[in-house]
């Protein structure tokens, strides 16, 4: 098993934590399930199947807010 250090903005962390709690999972388990769905063939989470241009939820800009 590999470890990943993931930095999230405070507001996104709180939303993710609340979503995991609502799903009766740990935050780690909830994030693993999202990544699994995203990497399965045709399995981008919460993106309409016919809309490859709409962004999936929880996707950041890819840039850190730090300089």
C-alpha atoms as a PDB file:
ATOM      1  CA  UNK A   1       0.000   0.000   0.000  1.00  0.00           C
ATOM      2  CA  UNK A   2       1.305   3.458  -0.911  1.00  0.00           C
ATOM      3  CA  UNK A   3       0.900   6.640   1.088  1.00  0.00           C
ATOM      4  CA  UNK A   4      -0.009   9.972  -0.476  1.00  0.00           C
ATOM      5  CA  UNK A   5       0.195  13.327   1.222  1.00  0.00           C
ATOM      6  CA  UNK A   6      -2.811  15.286  -0.032  1.00  0.00           C
ATOM      7  CA  UNK A   7      -3.161  18.977   0.776  1.00  0.00           C
ATOM      8  CA  UNK A   8      -6.729  20.289   0.675  1.00  0.00           C
ATOM      9  CA  UNK A   9      -8.042  23.775   1.313  1.00  0.00           C
ATOM     10  CA  UNK A  10      -9.748  23.960   4.703  1.00  0.00           C
ATOM     11  CA  UNK A  11     -13.242  24.354   3.240  1.00  0.00           C
ATOM     12  CA  UNK A  12     -12.829  21.406   0.865  1.00  0.00           C
ATOM     13  CA  UNK A  13     -11.439  19.240   3.654  1.00  0.00           C
ATOM     14  CA  UNK A  14     -14.465  20.010   5.816  1.00  0.00           C
ATOM     15  CA  UNK A  15     -16.871  19.234   2.951  1.00  0.00           C
ATOM     16  CA  UNK A  16     -15.069  15.966   2.170  1.00  0.00           C
ATOM     17  CA  UNK A  17     -15.013  14.986   5.832  1.00  0.00           C
ATOM     18  CA  UNK A  18     -18.752  15.668   6.130  1.00  0.00           C
ATOM     19  CA  UNK A  19     -19.473  13.669   2.955  1.00  0.00           C
ATOM     20  CA  UNK A  20     -17.422  10.739   4.264  1.00  0.00           C
ATOM     21  CA  UNK A  21     -19.210  10.892   7.601  1.00  0.00           C
ATOM     22  CA  UNK A  22     -22.602  10.948   5.853  1.00  0.00           C
ATOM     23  CA  UNK A  23     -21.487   7.828   3.936  1.00  0.00           C
ATOM     24  CA  UNK A  24     -20.444   6.213   7.255  1.00  0.00           C
ATOM     25  CA  UNK A  25     -16.788   5.993   6.122  1.00  0.00           C
ATOM     26  CA  UNK A  26     -13.489   7.390   7.192  1.00  0.00           C
ATOM     27  CA  UNK A  27     -12.219  10.244   5.057  1.00  0.00           C
ATOM     28  CA  UNK A  28      -9.452   7.980   3.738  1.00  0.00           C
ATOM     29  CA  UNK A  29     -11.892   5.215   2.780  1.00  0.00           C
ATOM     30  CA  UNK A  30     -14.205   7.738   1.107  1.00  0.00           C
ATOM     31  CA  UNK A  31     -11.342   9.248  -0.918  1.00  0.00           C
ATOM     32  CA  UNK A  32     -10.113   5.787  -1.952  1.00  0.00           C
ATOM     33  CA  UNK A  33     -13.610   4.943  -3.224  1.00  0.00           C
ATOM     34  CA  UNK A  34     -13.690   8.145  -5.320  1.00  0.00           C
ATOM     35  CA  UNK A  35     -10.275   7.447  -6.819  1.00  0.00           C
ATOM     36  CA  UNK A  36     -11.290   3.848  -7.608  1.00  0.00           C
ATOM     37  CA  UNK A  37     -14.413   5.035  -9.433  1.00  0.00           C
ATOM     38  CA  UNK A  38     -12.416   7.679 -11.293  1.00  0.00           C
ATOM     39  CA  UNK A  39      -9.847   5.223 -12.639  1.00  0.00           C
ATOM     40  CA  UNK A  40     -12.299   2.492 -13.636  1.00  0.00           C
ATOM     41  CA  UNK A  41     -12.986   2.447 -17.370  1.00  0.00           C
ATOM     42  CA  UNK A  42     -15.699   5.020 -18.023  1.00  0.00           C
ATOM     43  CA  UNK A  43     -15.893   5.761 -14.327  1.00  0.00           C
ATOM     44  CA  UNK A  44     -15.308   9.451 -13.722  1.00  0.00           C
ATOM     45  CA  UNK A  45     -17.291  10.162 -10.529  1.00  0.00           C
ATOM     46  CA  UNK A  46     -20.391  12.329 -10.846  1.00  0.00           C
ATOM     47  CA  UNK A  47     -19.732  13.368 -14.435  1.00  0.00           C
ATOM     48  CA  UNK A  48     -22.542  12.807 -16.919  1.00  0.00           C
ATOM     49  CA  UNK A  49     -21.559   9.979 -19.265  1.00  0.00           C
ATOM     50  CA  UNK A  50     -22.160  12.097 -22.362  1.00  0.00           C
ATOM     51  CA  UNK A  51     -20.396  15.228 -21.106  1.00  0.00           C
ATOM     52  CA  UNK A  52     -16.630  14.903 -21.263  1.00  0.00           C
ATOM     53  CA  UNK A  53     -16.210  18.674 -20.899  1.00  0.00           C
ATOM     54  CA  UNK A  54     -17.984  19.161 -17.578  1.00  0.00           C
ATOM     55  CA  UNK A  55     -15.611  19.106 -14.620  1.00  0.00           C
ATOM     56  CA  UNK A  56     -16.001  16.409 -12.017  1.00  0.00           C
ATOM     57  CA  UNK A  57     -16.678  17.556  -8.434  1.00  0.00           C
ATOM     58  CA  UNK A  58     -13.751  18.042  -6.069  1.00  0.00           C
ATOM     59  CA  UNK A  59     -11.379  18.791  -8.925  1.00  0.00           C
ATOM     60  CA  UNK A  60      -9.050  21.689  -8.158  1.00  0.00           C
ATOM     61  CA  UNK A  61      -7.050  23.854 -10.492  1.00  0.00           C
ATOM     62  CA  UNK A  62      -4.029  21.635 -10.037  1.00  0.00           C
ATOM     63  CA  UNK A  63      -2.148  24.525  -8.483  1.00  0.00           C
ATOM     64  CA  UNK A  64      -1.360  25.055  -4.864  1.00  0.00           C
ATOM     65  CA  UNK A  65      -2.641  28.301  -3.366  1.00  0.00           C
ATOM     66  CA  UNK A  66       0.847  28.911  -2.023  1.00  0.00           C
ATOM     67  CA  UNK A  67       3.332  30.920  -4.096  1.00  0.00           C
END
